[in-house]
Amino acid sequence: DTAFATLISVRAMSSLVYAQTLYLIPVSLFGMAVSAAELPE
């Protein structure tokens, strides 16, 4: 994804990371939180 983004445009590369920062919030808050707590159990 990083390589393709740098080939698309500089703006695409930085925006891709900004987007990942935002959509990883629910992934982390709910997916990671539940998975991390459940794994030892």
PDB file of all heavy atoms in Angstrom:
ATOM      1  N   ASP A   1       0.833  -1.209   0.000  1.00  0.00           N
ATOM      2  CA  ASP A   1       0.000   0.000   0.000  1.00  0.00           C
ATOM      3  C   ASP A   1       0.865   1.256   0.000  1.00  0.00           C
ATOM      4  O   ASP A   1       0.558   2.232  -0.698  1.00  0.00           O
ATOM      5  CB  ASP A   1      -0.922   0.007   1.221  1.00  0.00           C
ATOM      6  CG  ASP A   1      -2.081  -0.969   1.080  1.00  0.00           C
ATOM      7  OD1 ASP A   1      -2.307  -1.461  -0.047  1.00  0.00           O
ATOM      8  OD2 ASP A   1      -2.749  -1.261   2.085  1.00  0.00           O
ATOM      9  N   THR A   2       1.942   1.233   0.795  1.00  0.00           N
ATOM     10  CA  THR A   2       2.838   2.388   0.848  1.00  0.00           C
ATOM     11  C   THR A   2       3.489   2.625  -0.509  1.00  0.00           C
ATOM     12  O   THR A   2       3.550   3.763  -1.004  1.00  0.00           O
ATOM     13  CB  THR A   2       3.918   2.182   1.918  1.00  0.00           C
ATOM     14  OG1 THR A   2       3.291   2.000   3.196  1.00  0.00           O
ATOM     15  CG2 THR A   2       4.858   3.384   1.991  1.00  0.00           C
ATOM     16  N   ALA A   3       3.985   1.552  -1.121  1.00  0.00           N
ATOM     17  CA  ALA A   3       4.644   1.690  -2.424  1.00  0.00           C
ATOM     18  C   ALA A   3       3.670   2.210  -3.474  1.00  0.00           C
ATOM     19  O   ALA A   3       4.000   3.126  -4.239  1.00  0.00           O
ATOM     20  CB  ALA A   3       5.228   0.340  -2.852  1.00  0.00           C
ATOM     21  N   PHE A   4       2.460   1.646  -3.523  1.00  0.00           N
ATOM     22  CA  PHE A   4       1.466   2.101  -4.493  1.00  0.00           C
ATOM     23  C   PHE A   4       1.083   3.560  -4.242  1.00  0.00           C
ATOM     24  O   PHE A   4       0.899   4.337  -5.184  1.00  0.00           O
ATOM     25  CB  PHE A   4       0.221   1.220  -4.440  1.00  0.00           C
ATOM     26  CG  PHE A   4       0.402  -0.148  -5.054  1.00  0.00           C
ATOM     27  CD1 PHE A   4      -0.541  -1.142  -4.869  1.00  0.00           C
ATOM     28  CD2 PHE A   4       1.511  -0.436  -5.831  1.00  0.00           C
ATOM     29  CE1 PHE A   4      -0.388  -2.403  -5.447  1.00  0.00           C
ATOM     30  CE2 PHE A   4       1.683  -1.683  -6.408  1.00  0.00           C
ATOM     31  CZ  PHE A   4       0.732  -2.666  -6.215  1.00  0.00           C
ATOM     32  N   ALA A   5       0.954   3.924  -2.947  1.00  0.00           N
ATOM     33  CA  ALA A   5       0.570   5.299  -2.626  1.00  0.00           C
ATOM     34  C   ALA A   5       1.638   6.295  -3.079  1.00  0.00           C
ATOM     35  O   ALA A   5       1.307   7.371  -3.587  1.00  0.00           O
ATOM     36  CB  ALA A   5       0.325   5.445  -1.122  1.00  0.00           C
ATOM     37  N   THR A   6       2.926   5.947  -2.907  1.00  0.00           N
ATOM     38  CA  THR A   6       3.984   6.865  -3.356  1.00  0.00           C
ATOM     39  C   THR A   6       3.991   6.980  -4.875  1.00  0.00           C
ATOM     40  O   THR A   6       4.415   8.000  -5.412  1.00  0.00           O
ATOM     41  CB  THR A   6       5.366   6.406  -2.863  1.00  0.00           C
ATOM     42  OG1 THR A   6       5.674   5.113  -3.410  1.00  0.00           O
ATOM     43  CG2 THR A   6       5.410   6.339  -1.343  1.00  0.00           C
ATOM     44  N   LEU A   7       3.525   5.947  -5.564  1.00  0.00           N
ATOM     45  CA  LEU A   7       3.448   6.016  -7.026  1.00  0.00           C
ATOM     46  C   LEU A   7       2.243   6.824  -7.490  1.00  0.00           C
ATOM     47  O   LEU A   7       2.257   7.376  -8.596  1.00  0.00           O
ATOM     48  CB  LEU A   7       3.388   4.604  -7.614  1.00  0.00           C
ATOM     49  CG  LEU A   7       4.653   3.749  -7.460  1.00  0.00           C
ATOM     50  CD1 LEU A   7       4.399   2.326  -7.930  1.00  0.00           C
ATOM     51  CD2 LEU A   7       5.827   4.367  -8.216  1.00  0.00           C
ATOM     52  N   ILE A   8       1.191   6.874  -6.666  1.00  0.00           N
ATOM     53  CA  ILE A   8       0.002   7.666  -7.030  1.00  0.00           C
ATOM     54  C   ILE A   8       0.304   9.155  -6.881  1.00  0.00           C
ATOM     55  O   ILE A   8       0.153   9.928  -7.821  1.00  0.00           O
ATOM     56  CB  ILE A   8      -1.200   7.249  -6.167  1.00  0.00           C
ATOM     57  CG1 ILE A   8      -1.627   5.815  -6.510  1.00  0.00           C
ATOM     58  CG2 ILE A   8      -2.376   8.204  -6.365  1.00  0.00           C
ATOM     59  CD1 ILE A   8      -2.654   5.231  -5.552  1.00  0.00           C
ATOM     60  N   SER A   9       0.721   9.575  -5.679  1.00  0.00           N
ATOM     61  CA  SER A   9       1.078  10.974  -5.434  1.00  0.00           C
ATOM     62  C   SER A   9       1.576  11.106  -4.004  1.00  0.00           C
ATOM     63  O   SER A   9       1.306  10.249  -3.149  1.00  0.00           O
ATOM     64  CB  SER A   9      -0.112  11.916  -5.653  1.00  0.00           C
ATOM     65  OG  SER A   9      -1.074  11.741  -4.636  1.00  0.00           O
ATOM     66  N   VAL A  10       2.286  12.183  -3.747  1.00  0.00           N
ATOM     67  CA  VAL A  10       2.741  12.466  -2.385  1.00  0.00           C
ATOM     68  C   VAL A  10       1.539  12.654  -1.463  1.00  0.00           C
ATOM     69  O   VAL A  10       1.516  12.190  -0.323  1.00  0.00           O
ATOM     70  CB  VAL A  10       3.642  13.724  -2.375  1.00  0.00           C
ATOM     71  CG1 VAL A  10       3.919  14.179  -0.952  1.00  0.00           C
ATOM     72  CG2 VAL A  10       4.953  13.449  -3.100  1.00  0.00           C
ATOM     73  N   ARG A  11       0.531  13.360  -1.975  1.00  0.00           N
ATOM     74  CA  ARG A  11      -0.674  13.593  -1.186  1.00  0.00           C
ATOM     75  C   ARG A  11      -1.357  12.278  -0.815  1.00  0.00           C
ATOM     76  O   ARG A  11      -1.870  12.122   0.303  1.00  0.00           O
ATOM     77  CB  ARG A  11      -1.626  14.478  -1.980  1.00  0.00           C
ATOM     78  CG  ARG A  11      -2.862  14.932  -1.230  1.00  0.00           C
ATOM     79  CD  ARG A  11      -3.834  15.613  -2.188  1.00  0.00           C
ATOM     80  NE  ARG A  11      -4.927  16.272  -1.500  1.00  0.00           N
ATOM     81  CZ  ARG A  11      -6.042  16.660  -2.086  1.00  0.00           C
ATOM     82  NH1 ARG A  11      -6.206  16.459  -3.392  1.00  0.00           N
ATOM     83  NH2 ARG A  11      -7.005  17.250  -1.409  1.00  0.00           N
ATOM     84  N   ALA A  12      -1.352  11.334  -1.732  1.00  0.00           N
ATOM     85  CA  ALA A  12      -1.975  10.037  -1.462  1.00  0.00           C
ATOM     86  C   ALA A  12      -1.257   9.321  -0.333  1.00  0.00           C
ATOM     87  O   ALA A  12      -1.885   8.684   0.517  1.00  0.00           O
ATOM     88  CB  ALA A  12      -1.977   9.186  -2.720  1.00  0.00           C
ATOM     89  N   MET A  13       0.094   9.418  -0.297  1.00  0.00           N
ATOM     90  CA  MET A  13       0.856   8.730   0.731  1.00  0.00           C
ATOM     91  C   MET A  13       0.531   9.269   2.112  1.00  0.00           C
ATOM     92  O   MET A  13       0.210   8.506   3.041  1.00  0.00           O
ATOM     93  CB  MET A  13       2.359   8.896   0.426  1.00  0.00           C
ATOM     94  CG  MET A  13       3.294   8.321   1.491  1.00  0.00           C
ATOM     95  SD  MET A  13       3.092   6.557   1.743  1.00  0.00           S
ATOM     96  CE  MET A  13       2.664   6.507   3.474  1.00  0.00           C
ATOM     97  N   SER A  14       0.602  10.574   2.292  1.00  0.00           N
ATOM     98  CA  SER A  14       0.342  11.140   3.616  1.00  0.00           C
ATOM     99  C   SER A  14      -1.127  10.960   4.007  1.00  0.00           C
ATOM    100  O   SER A  14      -1.432  10.654   5.163  1.00  0.00           O
ATOM    101  CB  SER A  14       0.728  12.618   3.642  1.00  0.00           C
ATOM    102  OG  SER A  14       0.082  13.341   2.612  1.00  0.00           O
ATOM    103  N   SER A  15      -2.038  11.101   3.041  1.00  0.00           N
ATOM    104  CA  SER A  15      -3.465  10.950   3.352  1.00  0.00           C
ATOM    105  C   SER A  15      -3.806   9.516   3.724  1.00  0.00           C
ATOM    106  O   SER A  15      -4.692   9.270   4.550  1.00  0.00           O
ATOM    107  CB  SER A  15      -4.319  11.394   2.164  1.00  0.00           C
ATOM    108  OG  SER A  15      -4.159  12.775   1.915  1.00  0.00           O
ATOM    109  N   LEU A  16      -3.118   8.544   3.119  1.00  0.00           N
ATOM    110  CA  LEU A  16      -3.363   7.143   3.460  1.00  0.00           C
ATOM    111  C   LEU A  16      -3.061   6.893   4.928  1.00  0.00           C
ATOM    112  O   LEU A  16      -3.811   6.203   5.622  1.00  0.00           O
ATOM    113  CB  LEU A  16      -2.500   6.240   2.578  1.00  0.00           C
ATOM    114  CG  LEU A  16      -2.621   4.738   2.827  1.00  0.00           C
ATOM    115  CD1 LEU A  16      -4.021   4.243   2.500  1.00  0.00           C
ATOM    116  CD2 LEU A  16      -1.593   3.963   2.006  1.00  0.00           C
ATOM    117  N   VAL A  17      -1.968   7.469   5.433  1.00  0.00           N
ATOM    118  CA  VAL A  17      -1.620   7.280   6.842  1.00  0.00           C
ATOM    119  C   VAL A  17      -2.601   8.024   7.745  1.00  0.00           C
ATOM    120  O   VAL A  17      -2.994   7.513   8.796  1.00  0.00           O
ATOM    121  CB  VAL A  17      -0.175   7.743   7.101  1.00  0.00           C
ATOM    122  CG1 VAL A  17       0.195   7.540   8.578  1.00  0.00           C
ATOM    123  CG2 VAL A  17       0.800   6.975   6.223  1.00  0.00           C
ATOM    124  N   TYR A  18      -3.012   9.220   7.352  1.00  0.00           N
ATOM    125  CA  TYR A  18      -4.045   9.918   8.128  1.00  0.00           C
ATOM    126  C   TYR A  18      -5.314   9.071   8.199  1.00  0.00           C
ATOM    127  O   TYR A  18      -5.944   8.942   9.262  1.00  0.00           O
ATOM    128  CB  TYR A  18      -4.385  11.262   7.481  1.00  0.00           C
ATOM    129  CG  TYR A  18      -3.354  12.354   7.664  1.00  0.00           C
ATOM    130  CD1 TYR A  18      -2.904  13.103   6.571  1.00  0.00           C
ATOM    131  CD2 TYR A  18      -2.848  12.663   8.918  1.00  0.00           C
ATOM    132  CE1 TYR A  18      -1.972  14.125   6.738  1.00  0.00           C
ATOM    133  CE2 TYR A  18      -1.911  13.676   9.091  1.00  0.00           C
ATOM    134  CZ  TYR A  18      -1.475  14.405   7.988  1.00  0.00           C
ATOM    135  OH  TYR A  18      -0.564  15.409   8.148  1.00  0.00           O
ATOM    136  N   ALA A  19      -5.717   8.498   7.069  1.00  0.00           N
ATOM    137  CA  ALA A  19      -6.929   7.672   7.037  1.00  0.00           C
ATOM    138  C   ALA A  19      -6.794   6.456   7.944  1.00  0.00           C
ATOM    139  O   ALA A  19      -7.734   6.103   8.677  1.00  0.00           O
ATOM    140  CB  ALA A  19      -7.224   7.231   5.602  1.00  0.00           C
ATOM    141  N   GLN A  20      -5.633   5.822   7.915  1.00  0.00           N
ATOM    142  CA  GLN A  20      -5.428   4.659   8.770  1.00  0.00           C
ATOM    143  C   GLN A  20      -5.486   5.030  10.241  1.00  0.00           C
ATOM    144  O   GLN A  20      -5.989   4.272  11.074  1.00  0.00           O
ATOM    145  CB  GLN A  20      -4.102   3.997   8.413  1.00  0.00           C
ATOM    146  CG  GLN A  20      -4.125   3.306   7.054  1.00  0.00           C
ATOM    147  CD  GLN A  20      -2.768   2.821   6.612  1.00  0.00           C
ATOM    148  OE1 GLN A  20      -1.739   3.274   7.099  1.00  0.00           O
ATOM    149  NE2 GLN A  20      -2.760   1.895   5.668  1.00  0.00           N
ATOM    150  N   THR A  21      -4.972   6.211  10.578  1.00  0.00           N
ATOM    151  CA  THR A  21      -5.049   6.674  11.960  1.00  0.00           C
ATOM    152  C   THR A  21      -6.508   6.782  12.410  1.00  0.00           C
ATOM    153  O   THR A  21      -6.856   6.391  13.530  1.00  0.00           O
ATOM    154  CB  THR A  21      -4.373   8.053  12.098  1.00  0.00           C
ATOM    155  OG1 THR A  21      -2.999   7.943  11.734  1.00  0.00           O
ATOM    156  CG2 THR A  21      -4.472   8.562  13.536  1.00  0.00           C
ATOM    157  N   LEU A  22      -7.366   7.252  11.523  1.00  0.00           N
ATOM    158  CA  LEU A  22      -8.776   7.431  11.888  1.00  0.00           C
ATOM    159  C   LEU A  22      -9.524   6.108  11.941  1.00  0.00           C
ATOM    160  O   LEU A  22     -10.236   5.825  12.906  1.00  0.00           O
ATOM    161  CB  LEU A  22      -9.455   8.384  10.904  1.00  0.00           C
ATOM    162  CG  LEU A  22      -8.923   9.825  10.884  1.00  0.00           C
ATOM    163  CD1 LEU A  22      -9.789  10.694   9.969  1.00  0.00           C
ATOM    164  CD2 LEU A  22      -8.872  10.421  12.271  1.00  0.00           C
ATOM    165  N   TYR A  23      -9.370   5.272  10.900  1.00  0.00           N
ATOM    166  CA  TYR A  23     -10.200   4.061  10.912  1.00  0.00           C
ATOM    167  C   TYR A  23      -9.661   2.991  11.854  1.00  0.00           C
ATOM    168  O   TYR A  23     -10.376   2.042  12.191  1.00  0.00           O
ATOM    169  CB  TYR A  23     -10.452   3.516   9.503  1.00  0.00           C
ATOM    170  CG  TYR A  23      -9.314   2.882   8.755  1.00  0.00           C
ATOM    171  CD1 TYR A  23      -8.751   1.682   9.146  1.00  0.00           C
ATOM    172  CD2 TYR A  23      -8.835   3.461   7.575  1.00  0.00           C
ATOM    173  CE1 TYR A  23      -7.738   1.082   8.427  1.00  0.00           C
ATOM    174  CE2 TYR A  23      -7.826   2.872   6.842  1.00  0.00           C
ATOM    175  CZ  TYR A  23      -7.271   1.685   7.275  1.00  0.00           C
ATOM    176  OH  TYR A  23      -6.261   1.083   6.561  1.00  0.00           O
ATOM    177  N   LEU A  24      -8.428   3.161  12.319  1.00  0.00           N
ATOM    178  CA  LEU A  24      -7.928   2.219  13.325  1.00  0.00           C
ATOM    179  C   LEU A  24      -8.459   2.534  14.725  1.00  0.00           C
ATOM    180  O   LEU A  24      -8.286   1.728  15.638  1.00  0.00           O
ATOM    181  CB  LEU A  24      -6.399   2.219  13.340  1.00  0.00           C
ATOM    182  CG  LEU A  24      -5.728   1.433  12.215  1.00  0.00           C
ATOM    183  CD1 LEU A  24      -4.219   1.579  12.284  1.00  0.00           C
ATOM    184  CD2 LEU A  24      -6.125  -0.040  12.263  1.00  0.00           C
ATOM    185  N   ILE A  25      -9.091   3.690  14.890  1.00  0.00           N
ATOM    186  CA  ILE A  25      -9.655   4.004  16.208  1.00  0.00           C
ATOM    187  C   ILE A  25     -10.730   2.990  16.595  1.00  0.00           C
ATOM    188  O   ILE A  25     -10.633   2.364  17.658  1.00  0.00           O
ATOM    189  CB  ILE A  25     -10.202   5.445  16.233  1.00  0.00           C
ATOM    190  CG1 ILE A  25      -9.047   6.437  16.097  1.00  0.00           C
ATOM    191  CG2 ILE A  25     -10.968   5.703  17.532  1.00  0.00           C
ATOM    192  CD1 ILE A  25      -9.509   7.877  15.963  1.00  0.00           C
ATOM    193  N   PRO A  26     -11.784   2.776  15.783  1.00  0.00           N
ATOM    194  CA  PRO A  26     -12.763   1.746  16.172  1.00  0.00           C
ATOM    195  C   PRO A  26     -12.181   0.338  16.166  1.00  0.00           C
ATOM    196  O   PRO A  26     -12.566  -0.501  16.982  1.00  0.00           O
ATOM    197  CB  PRO A  26     -13.877   1.899  15.131  1.00  0.00           C
ATOM    198  CG  PRO A  26     -13.257   2.615  13.977  1.00  0.00           C
ATOM    199  CD  PRO A  26     -12.217   3.505  14.569  1.00  0.00           C
ATOM    200  N   VAL A  27     -11.241   0.060  15.241  1.00  0.00           N
ATOM    201  CA  VAL A  27     -10.606  -1.260  15.231  1.00  0.00           C
ATOM    202  C   VAL A  27      -9.893  -1.510  16.556  1.00  0.00           C
ATOM    203  O   VAL A  27      -9.988  -2.589  17.148  1.00  0.00           O
ATOM    204  CB  VAL A  27      -9.617  -1.374  14.051  1.00  0.00           C
ATOM    205  CG1 VAL A  27      -8.808  -2.669  14.159  1.00  0.00           C
ATOM    206  CG2 VAL A  27     -10.351  -1.334  12.722  1.00  0.00           C
ATOM    207  N   SER A  28      -9.192  -0.502  17.043  1.00  0.00           N
ATOM    208  CA  SER A  28      -8.456  -0.655  18.294  1.00  0.00           C
ATOM    209  C   SER A  28      -9.378  -0.657  19.500  1.00  0.00           C
ATOM    210  O   SER A  28      -9.255  -1.495  20.398  1.00  0.00           O
ATOM    211  CB  SER A  28      -7.435   0.480  18.437  1.00  0.00           C
ATOM    212  OG  SER A  28      -6.519   0.471  17.370  1.00  0.00           O
ATOM    213  N   LEU A  29     -10.322   0.293  19.528  1.00  0.00           N
ATOM    214  CA  LEU A  29     -11.185   0.417  20.699  1.00  0.00           C
ATOM    215  C   LEU A  29     -12.049  -0.814  20.918  1.00  0.00           C
ATOM    216  O   LEU A  29     -12.284  -1.216  22.060  1.00  0.00           O
ATOM    217  CB  LEU A  29     -12.089   1.644  20.549  1.00  0.00           C
ATOM    218  CG  LEU A  29     -11.478   3.002  20.863  1.00  0.00           C
ATOM    219  CD1 LEU A  29     -12.494   4.103  20.604  1.00  0.00           C
ATOM    220  CD2 LEU A  29     -11.001   3.056  22.300  1.00  0.00           C
ATOM    221  N   PHE A  30     -12.513  -1.416  19.827  1.00  0.00           N
ATOM    222  CA  PHE A  30     -13.448  -2.526  19.968  1.00  0.00           C
ATOM    223  C   PHE A  30     -12.825  -3.863  19.571  1.00  0.00           C
ATOM    224  O   PHE A  30     -12.894  -4.826  20.325  1.00  0.00           O
ATOM    225  CB  PHE A  30     -14.703  -2.234  19.155  1.00  0.00           C
ATOM    226  CG  PHE A  30     -15.280  -0.882  19.442  1.00  0.00           C
ATOM    227  CD1 PHE A  30     -15.359   0.089  18.461  1.00  0.00           C
ATOM    228  CD2 PHE A  30     -15.708  -0.561  20.714  1.00  0.00           C
ATOM    229  CE1 PHE A  30     -15.865   1.350  18.730  1.00  0.00           C
ATOM    230  CE2 PHE A  30     -16.221   0.699  21.008  1.00  0.00           C
ATOM    231  CZ  PHE A  30     -16.297   1.654  20.011  1.00  0.00           C
ATOM    232  N   GLY A  31     -12.186  -3.922  18.416  1.00  0.00           N
ATOM    233  CA  GLY A  31     -11.571  -5.181  18.012  1.00  0.00           C
ATOM    234  C   GLY A  31     -10.389  -5.555  18.878  1.00  0.00           C
ATOM    235  O   GLY A  31     -10.326  -6.650  19.449  1.00  0.00           O
ATOM    236  N   MET A  32      -9.433  -4.642  19.023  1.00  0.00           N
ATOM    237  CA  MET A  32      -8.248  -4.942  19.812  1.00  0.00           C
ATOM    238  C   MET A  32      -8.594  -5.072  21.285  1.00  0.00           C
ATOM    239  O   MET A  32      -8.066  -5.945  21.988  1.00  0.00           O
ATOM    240  CB  MET A  32      -7.195  -3.860  19.614  1.00  0.00           C
ATOM    241  CG  MET A  32      -5.866  -4.159  20.292  1.00  0.00           C
ATOM    242  SD  MET A  32      -4.683  -2.794  20.129  1.00  0.00           S
ATOM    243  CE  MET A  32      -4.476  -2.756  18.351  1.00  0.00           C
ATOM    244  N   ALA A  33      -9.469  -4.208  21.783  1.00  0.00           N
ATOM    245  CA  ALA A  33      -9.818  -4.255  23.203  1.00  0.00           C
ATOM    246  C   ALA A  33     -10.435  -5.600  23.568  1.00  0.00           C
ATOM    247  O   ALA A  33     -10.031  -6.243  24.539  1.00  0.00           O
ATOM    248  CB  ALA A  33     -10.785  -3.120  23.539  1.00  0.00           C
ATOM    249  N   VAL A  34     -11.412  -6.030  22.792  1.00  0.00           N
ATOM    250  CA  VAL A  34     -12.073  -7.310  23.088  1.00  0.00           C
ATOM    251  C   VAL A  34     -11.110  -8.468  22.885  1.00  0.00           C
ATOM    252  O   VAL A  34     -11.003  -9.364  23.727  1.00  0.00           O
ATOM    253  CB  VAL A  34     -13.328  -7.476  22.213  1.00  0.00           C
ATOM    254  CG1 VAL A  34     -13.922  -8.867  22.384  1.00  0.00           C
ATOM    255  CG2 VAL A  34     -14.365  -6.420  22.561  1.00  0.00           C
ATOM    256  N   SER A  35     -10.370  -8.461  21.776  1.00  0.00           N
ATOM    257  CA  SER A  35      -9.463  -9.574  21.474  1.00  0.00           C
ATOM    258  C   SER A  35      -8.347  -9.688  22.506  1.00  0.00           C
ATOM    259  O   SER A  35      -8.002 -10.784  22.953  1.00  0.00           O
ATOM    260  CB  SER A  35      -8.863  -9.390  20.074  1.00  0.00           C
ATOM    261  OG  SER A  35      -9.872  -9.357  19.098  1.00  0.00           O
ATOM    262  N   ALA A  36      -7.766  -8.540  22.891  1.00  0.00           N
ATOM    263  CA  ALA A  36      -6.671  -8.565  23.859  1.00  0.00           C
ATOM    264  C   ALA A  36      -7.142  -9.059  25.220  1.00  0.00           C
ATOM    265  O   ALA A  36      -6.443  -9.817  25.895  1.00  0.00           O
ATOM    266  CB  ALA A  36      -6.057  -7.172  23.983  1.00  0.00           C
ATOM    267  N   ALA A  37      -8.330  -8.624  25.635  1.00  0.00           N
ATOM    268  CA  ALA A  37      -8.848  -9.057  26.926  1.00  0.00           C
ATOM    269  C   ALA A  37      -9.269 -10.520  26.903  1.00  0.00           C
ATOM    270  O   ALA A  37      -9.143 -11.236  27.907  1.00  0.00           O
ATOM    271  CB  ALA A  37     -10.028  -8.176  27.333  1.00  0.00           C
ATOM    272  N   GLU A  38      -9.767 -10.984  25.785  1.00  0.00           N
ATOM    273  CA  GLU A  38     -10.263 -12.351  25.697  1.00  0.00           C
ATOM    274  C   GLU A  38      -9.151 -13.382  25.529  1.00  0.00           C
ATOM    275  O   GLU A  38      -9.316 -14.530  25.911  1.00  0.00           O
ATOM    276  CB  GLU A  38     -11.242 -12.485  24.525  1.00  0.00           C
ATOM    277  CG  GLU A  38     -12.579 -11.798  24.731  1.00  0.00           C
ATOM    278  CD  GLU A  38     -13.390 -12.436  25.848  1.00  0.00           C
ATOM    279  OE1 GLU A  38     -13.143 -13.613  26.173  1.00  0.00           O
ATOM    280  OE2 GLU A  38     -14.263 -11.758  26.401  1.00  0.00           O
ATOM    281  N   LEU A  39      -8.014 -12.984  24.945  1.00  0.00           N
ATOM    282  CA  LEU A  39      -6.988 -13.972  24.637  1.00  0.00           C
ATOM    283  C   LEU A  39      -6.531 -14.766  25.858  1.00  0.00           C
ATOM    284  O   LEU A  39      -6.506 -16.008  25.815  1.00  0.00           O
ATOM    285  CB  LEU A  39      -5.792 -13.303  23.939  1.00  0.00           C
ATOM    286  CG  LEU A  39      -4.620 -14.235  23.584  1.00  0.00           C
ATOM    287  CD1 LEU A  39      -5.092 -15.381  22.685  1.00  0.00           C
ATOM    288  CD2 LEU A  39      -3.507 -13.457  22.901  1.00  0.00           C
ATOM    289  N   PRO A  40      -6.141 -14.121  26.979  1.00  0.00           N
ATOM    290  CA  PRO A  40      -5.758 -14.935  28.149  1.00  0.00           C
ATOM    291  C   PRO A  40      -6.885 -15.827  28.641  1.00  0.00           C
ATOM    292  O   PRO A  40      -6.641 -16.963  29.076  1.00  0.00           O
ATOM    293  CB  PRO A  40      -5.377 -13.881  29.201  1.00  0.00           C
ATOM    294  CG  PRO A  40      -5.063 -12.642  28.419  1.00  0.00           C
ATOM    295  CD  PRO A  40      -5.977 -12.686  27.230  1.00  0.00           C
ATOM    296  N   GLU A  41      -8.131 -15.316  28.580  1.00  0.00           N
ATOM    297  CA  GLU A  41      -9.264 -16.128  29.022  1.00  0.00           C
ATOM    298  C   GLU A  41      -9.522 -17.284  28.070  1.00  0.00           C
ATOM    299  O   GLU A  41      -9.867 -18.394  28.487  1.00  0.00           O
ATOM    300  CB  GLU A  41     -10.518 -15.249  29.139  1.00  0.00           C
ATOM    301  CG  GLU A  41     -10.346 -14.007  30.004  1.00  0.00           C
ATOM    302  CD  GLU A  41      -9.823 -14.335  31.384  1.00  0.00           C
ATOM    303  OE1 GLU A  41     -10.207 -15.385  31.932  1.00  0.00           O
ATOM    304  OE2 GLU A  41      -9.009 -13.551  31.910  1.00  0.00           O
TER     305      GLU A  41
END
